[in-house]
């Protein structure tokens, strides 16, 4: 049965510092991109919404246009019926028939007036929709210009950092294999707790390199001995001495 190698505390700390330095390099490369990836994603979402709005307005205009055409046809039909009834009025035999035909003619004239009102209202609505459509198109044009500029900027940064990022990601994956499993879990948890991603810090000027809380001389002495894992009582970060920290170099 193969024996599992037991690492000393110093070796464990060295592995942690190595991983922290590599992942800090990755963080630096990501900082170069800044908020650009999020800005690009937000702009794409906005554009999607604006395009959907434009499509909706266009569909509404098409629907109103169809409605106007229907009303125009209704006017033609009503006018044709009115003419038909007018011709019939020449051959009426009594007042009752004459009144009935006149009522039908009046009904068709009302139909024409009502349809004309609907067309007028619909044309006014189309005019309002056209203004909204123009605004949506202008907004889309503006957003597309900003998005293309942001994308171009992001692509340049990605192109300039891609090789380095791949290199450090590979190093990080390898470095993780050399860190004690329980320590790695703690490291990841601490790292996620802080925006700067620092889970392992050196003692600088008698203070924690993460939160700058003062470290007592006795604790500093224990940290330098590297006999056990020491953490900052204030922020919970893993503490190492400057010599150990400086001895780890990342290529």
Protein backbone atom coordinates (compact mmCIF):
# COMPACT_ATOMS: atom_id res chain seq x y z
CA UNK A 1 0.00 0.00 0.00
CA UNK A 2 1.41 3.37 -1.09
CA UNK A 3 2.17 5.76 1.72
CA UNK A 4 0.57 9.20 1.62
CA UNK A 5 3.18 11.89 2.16
CA UNK A 6 2.62 14.12 5.19
CA UNK A 7 3.44 17.76 4.51
CA UNK A 8 4.92 20.01 7.16
CA UNK A 9 3.12 23.21 8.17
CA UNK A 10 5.78 25.21 6.32
CA UNK A 11 5.18 23.21 3.12
CA UNK A 12 1.43 23.68 3.48
CA UNK A 13 1.86 27.43 3.95
CA UNK A 14 4.24 27.65 0.99
CA UNK A 15 1.70 25.86 -1.20
CA UNK A 16 -0.99 28.29 -0.03
CA UNK A 17 1.16 31.36 -0.70
CA UNK A 18 1.98 29.97 -4.15
CA UNK A 19 -1.72 29.50 -4.95
CA UNK A 20 -2.63 32.93 -3.58
CA UNK A 21 0.02 34.66 -5.69
CA UNK A 22 -1.08 32.84 -8.85
CA UNK A 23 -4.77 33.60 -8.29
CA UNK A 24 -3.93 37.22 -7.44
CA UNK A 25 -2.27 37.44 -10.87
CA UNK A 26 -5.49 36.11 -12.44
CA UNK A 27 -7.44 38.71 -10.44
CA UNK A 28 -5.17 41.47 -11.80
CA UNK A 29 -5.85 40.35 -15.37
CA UNK A 30 -9.59 40.32 -14.70
CA UNK A 31 -9.41 43.78 -13.15
CA UNK A 32 -8.01 45.02 -16.47
CA UNK A 33 -11.35 44.09 -18.01
CA UNK A 34 -13.03 46.03 -15.21
CA UNK A 35 -16.79 46.29 -15.55
CA UNK A 36 -16.63 45.82 -19.32
CA UNK A 37 -18.01 42.25 -19.44
CA UNK A 38 -20.95 43.30 -17.24
CA UNK A 39 -21.47 46.51 -19.23
CA UNK A 40 -21.48 44.56 -22.51
CA UNK A 41 -24.00 42.07 -21.10
CA UNK A 42 -26.23 44.90 -19.79
CA UNK A 43 -26.11 46.71 -23.14
CA UNK A 44 -26.98 43.51 -24.98
CA UNK A 45 -29.99 43.04 -22.68
CA UNK A 46 -31.05 46.66 -23.24
CA UNK A 47 -30.74 46.23 -27.01
CA UNK A 48 -32.78 43.06 -26.89
CA UNK A 49 -35.51 44.96 -25.03
CA UNK A 50 -35.37 47.91 -27.45
CA UNK A 51 -35.51 45.61 -30.48
CA UNK A 52 -38.51 43.82 -28.97
CA UNK A 53 -40.14 47.22 -28.39
CA UNK A 54 -39.47 48.27 -31.99
CA UNK A 55 -40.97 45.01 -33.28
CA UNK A 56 -44.02 45.45 -31.05
CA UNK A 57 -44.61 49.03 -32.24
CA UNK A 58 -44.22 47.97 -35.89
CA UNK A 59 -46.72 45.15 -35.36
CA UNK A 60 -49.14 47.59 -33.71
CA UNK A 61 -48.79 50.02 -36.64
CA UNK A 62 -49.41 47.17 -39.09
CA UNK A 63 -52.49 46.15 -37.09
CA UNK A 64 -53.86 49.73 -37.12
CA UNK A 65 -53.12 50.02 -40.85
CA UNK A 66 -55.12 46.84 -41.49
CA UNK A 67 -57.94 48.25 -39.35
CA UNK A 68 -57.95 51.45 -41.48
CA UNK A 69 -58.12 49.40 -44.69
CA UNK A 70 -61.06 47.45 -43.25
CA UNK A 71 -62.85 50.71 -42.42
CA UNK A 72 -62.18 52.07 -45.90
CA UNK A 73 -63.76 48.94 -47.36
CA UNK A 74 -66.69 49.39 -44.98
CA UNK A 75 -67.13 52.98 -46.27
CA UNK A 76 -67.15 51.75 -49.87
CA UNK A 77 -69.74 49.11 -49.02
CA UNK A 78 -71.92 51.61 -47.12
CA UNK A 79 -71.70 54.15 -49.95
CA UNK A 80 -72.59 51.47 -52.50
CA UNK A 81 -75.61 50.43 -50.42
CA UNK A 82 -76.68 54.07 -50.03
CA UNK A 83 -76.61 54.52 -53.83
CA UNK A 84 -78.59 51.30 -54.23
CA UNK A 85 -81.24 52.53 -51.80
CA UNK A 86 -81.34 55.94 -53.55
CA UNK A 87 -82.13 54.22 -56.84
CA UNK A 88 -84.81 52.13 -55.12
CA UNK A 89 -86.38 55.32 -53.75
CA UNK A 90 -87.31 56.32 -57.31
CA UNK A 91 -89.68 53.36 -57.51
CA UNK A 92 -91.39 53.51 -54.13
CA UNK A 93 -95.13 53.00 -54.08
CA UNK A 94 -96.01 54.59 -50.73
CA UNK A 95 -94.70 56.71 -47.88
CA UNK A 96 -93.99 53.66 -45.74
CA UNK A 97 -91.53 52.27 -48.30
CA UNK A 98 -90.02 55.75 -48.81
CA UNK A 99 -89.42 56.18 -45.06
CA UNK A 100 -87.93 52.70 -44.79
CA UNK A 101 -85.51 53.37 -47.65
CA UNK A 102 -84.58 56.78 -46.20
CA UNK A 103 -83.86 55.13 -42.86
CA UNK A 104 -81.54 52.62 -44.60
CA UNK A 105 -79.77 55.47 -46.42
CA UNK A 106 -79.33 57.34 -43.11
CA UNK A 107 -77.97 54.17 -41.50
CA UNK A 108 -75.36 53.80 -44.25
CA UNK A 109 -74.43 57.48 -43.95
CA UNK A 110 -73.95 56.96 -40.20
CA UNK A 111 -71.81 53.91 -40.94
CA UNK A 112 -69.65 56.05 -43.24
CA UNK A 113 -69.29 58.81 -40.61
CA UNK A 114 -68.45 56.29 -37.88
CA UNK A 115 -65.87 54.56 -40.10
CA UNK A 116 -64.35 57.95 -41.00
CA UNK A 117 -64.07 58.79 -37.28
CA UNK A 118 -62.39 55.42 -36.64
CA UNK A 119 -59.96 56.11 -39.50
CA UNK A 120 -59.18 59.60 -38.15
CA UNK A 121 -58.54 58.21 -34.63
CA UNK A 122 -56.47 55.38 -36.05
CA UNK A 123 -54.32 57.78 -38.12
CA UNK A 124 -53.69 59.85 -34.99
CA UNK A 125 -52.67 56.68 -33.15
CA UNK A 126 -50.33 55.74 -36.02
CA UNK A 127 -48.74 59.21 -35.80
CA UNK A 128 -48.09 58.66 -32.07
CA UNK A 129 -46.74 55.16 -32.73
CA UNK A 130 -44.47 56.53 -35.48
CA UNK A 131 -42.92 58.99 -32.99
CA UNK A 132 -42.40 56.15 -30.47
CA UNK A 133 -40.91 53.98 -33.25
CA UNK A 134 -38.48 56.72 -34.27
CA UNK A 135 -37.39 57.15 -30.65
CA UNK A 136 -36.86 53.39 -30.32
CA UNK A 137 -34.78 53.32 -33.52
CA UNK A 138 -32.64 56.24 -32.33
CA UNK A 139 -32.15 54.54 -28.94
CA UNK A 140 -31.14 51.31 -30.70
CA UNK A 141 -28.67 53.19 -32.89
CA UNK A 142 -27.13 54.89 -29.87
CA UNK A 143 -26.90 51.70 -27.82
CA UNK A 144 -25.42 49.77 -30.76
CA UNK A 145 -22.69 52.40 -31.11
CA UNK A 146 -21.82 52.21 -27.41
CA UNK A 147 -21.99 48.39 -27.42
CA UNK A 148 -19.68 48.07 -30.43
CA UNK A 149 -17.15 50.41 -28.79
CA UNK A 150 -17.29 48.45 -25.50
CA UNK A 151 -16.98 45.13 -27.33
CA UNK A 152 -13.99 46.37 -29.29
CA UNK A 153 -12.31 47.58 -26.10
CA UNK A 154 -13.02 44.28 -24.34
CA UNK A 155 -11.78 42.22 -27.29
CA UNK A 156 -8.49 44.15 -27.28
CA UNK A 157 -8.00 43.50 -23.56
CA UNK A 158 -8.90 39.81 -23.98
CA UNK A 159 -6.50 39.48 -26.90
CA UNK A 160 -3.66 41.08 -24.91
CA UNK A 161 -4.26 39.05 -21.73
CA UNK A 162 -5.57 35.73 -23.08
CA UNK A 163 -2.16 34.03 -23.19
CA UNK A 164 -1.27 35.14 -19.65
CA UNK A 165 -4.68 34.18 -18.28
CA UNK A 166 -4.43 30.67 -19.76
CA UNK A 167 -0.93 30.33 -18.33
CA UNK A 168 -1.95 31.37 -14.82
CA UNK A 169 -5.16 29.33 -14.90
CA UNK A 170 -3.06 26.26 -15.69
CA UNK A 171 -0.64 27.12 -12.87
CA UNK A 172 -3.56 27.63 -10.47
CA UNK A 173 -5.06 24.23 -11.32
CA UNK A 174 -1.69 22.58 -10.67
CA UNK A 175 -1.11 24.58 -7.47
CA UNK A 176 -4.50 23.55 -6.07
CA UNK A 177 -3.42 19.90 -6.26
CA UNK A 178 -0.59 20.64 -3.84
CA UNK A 179 -2.69 22.38 -1.19
CA UNK A 180 -4.05 20.44 1.80
CA UNK A 181 -7.73 19.69 1.12
CA UNK A 182 -9.06 21.19 4.37
CA UNK A 183 -6.85 24.26 4.00
CA UNK A 184 -8.04 24.67 0.41
CA UNK A 185 -11.67 24.71 1.57
CA UNK A 186 -10.85 27.39 4.17
CA UNK A 187 -8.79 29.34 1.64
CA UNK A 188 -11.63 29.40 -0.91
CA UNK A 189 -14.15 30.43 1.74
CA UNK A 190 -11.95 33.31 2.97
CA UNK A 191 -11.08 34.37 -0.58
CA UNK A 192 -14.76 34.67 -1.53
CA UNK A 193 -15.38 36.83 1.55
CA UNK A 194 -13.18 39.68 0.35
CA UNK A 195 -13.39 41.75 -2.81
CA UNK A 196 -9.60 41.77 -3.25
CA UNK A 197 -9.55 37.95 -3.06
CA UNK A 198 -6.77 37.88 -0.45
CA UNK A 199 -7.00 34.86 1.82
CA UNK A 200 -3.28 34.48 2.59
CA UNK A 201 -1.36 37.61 3.64
CA UNK A 202 1.99 38.45 5.14
CA UNK A 203 2.58 40.32 8.35
CA UNK A 204 3.73 43.81 7.37
CA UNK A 205 4.86 46.46 9.85
CA UNK A 206 3.54 44.41 12.77
CA UNK A 207 0.07 44.24 11.22
CA UNK A 208 -2.11 41.94 9.16
CA UNK A 209 -1.51 42.57 5.44
CA UNK A 210 -5.23 42.19 4.80
CA UNK A 211 -7.09 44.28 7.40
CA UNK A 212 -4.04 46.09 8.91
CA UNK A 213 -5.04 45.05 12.41
CA UNK A 214 -2.04 44.98 14.80
CA UNK A 215 -0.48 41.55 15.42
CA UNK A 216 0.99 41.02 18.95
CA UNK A 217 4.76 40.28 19.09
CA UNK A 218 4.16 36.79 20.57
CA UNK A 219 1.87 35.85 17.66
CA UNK A 220 4.36 37.25 15.15
CA UNK A 221 7.02 35.01 16.71
CA UNK A 222 4.76 31.96 16.32
CA UNK A 223 4.03 32.89 12.69
CA UNK A 224 7.77 33.03 11.95
CA UNK A 225 8.27 29.57 13.50
CA UNK A 226 5.80 28.06 10.95
CA UNK A 227 4.76 25.33 13.34
CA UNK A 228 1.01 25.86 12.98
CA UNK A 229 -1.48 27.66 10.79
CA UNK A 230 -2.10 31.14 12.21
CA UNK A 231 -5.03 33.37 11.30
CA UNK A 232 -5.81 37.04 11.91
CA UNK A 233 -8.19 37.38 14.86
CA UNK A 234 -9.83 40.35 13.18
CA UNK A 235 -10.40 39.29 9.55
CA UNK A 236 -9.76 35.54 9.62
CA UNK A 237 -7.10 35.61 6.87
CA UNK A 238 -4.23 33.10 6.99
CA UNK A 239 -1.02 34.81 8.12
CA UNK A 240 2.54 34.09 6.96
CA UNK A 241 5.86 35.80 7.67
CA UNK A 242 7.47 38.10 5.12
CA UNK A 243 10.44 35.79 4.45
CA UNK A 244 8.19 32.88 3.48
CA UNK A 245 5.95 35.15 1.41
CA UNK A 246 8.91 36.65 -0.47
CA UNK A 247 10.52 33.27 -1.07
CA UNK A 248 7.65 32.19 -3.34
CA UNK A 249 8.05 33.47 -6.88
CA UNK A 250 5.56 33.12 -9.72
CA UNK A 251 6.83 32.76 -13.28
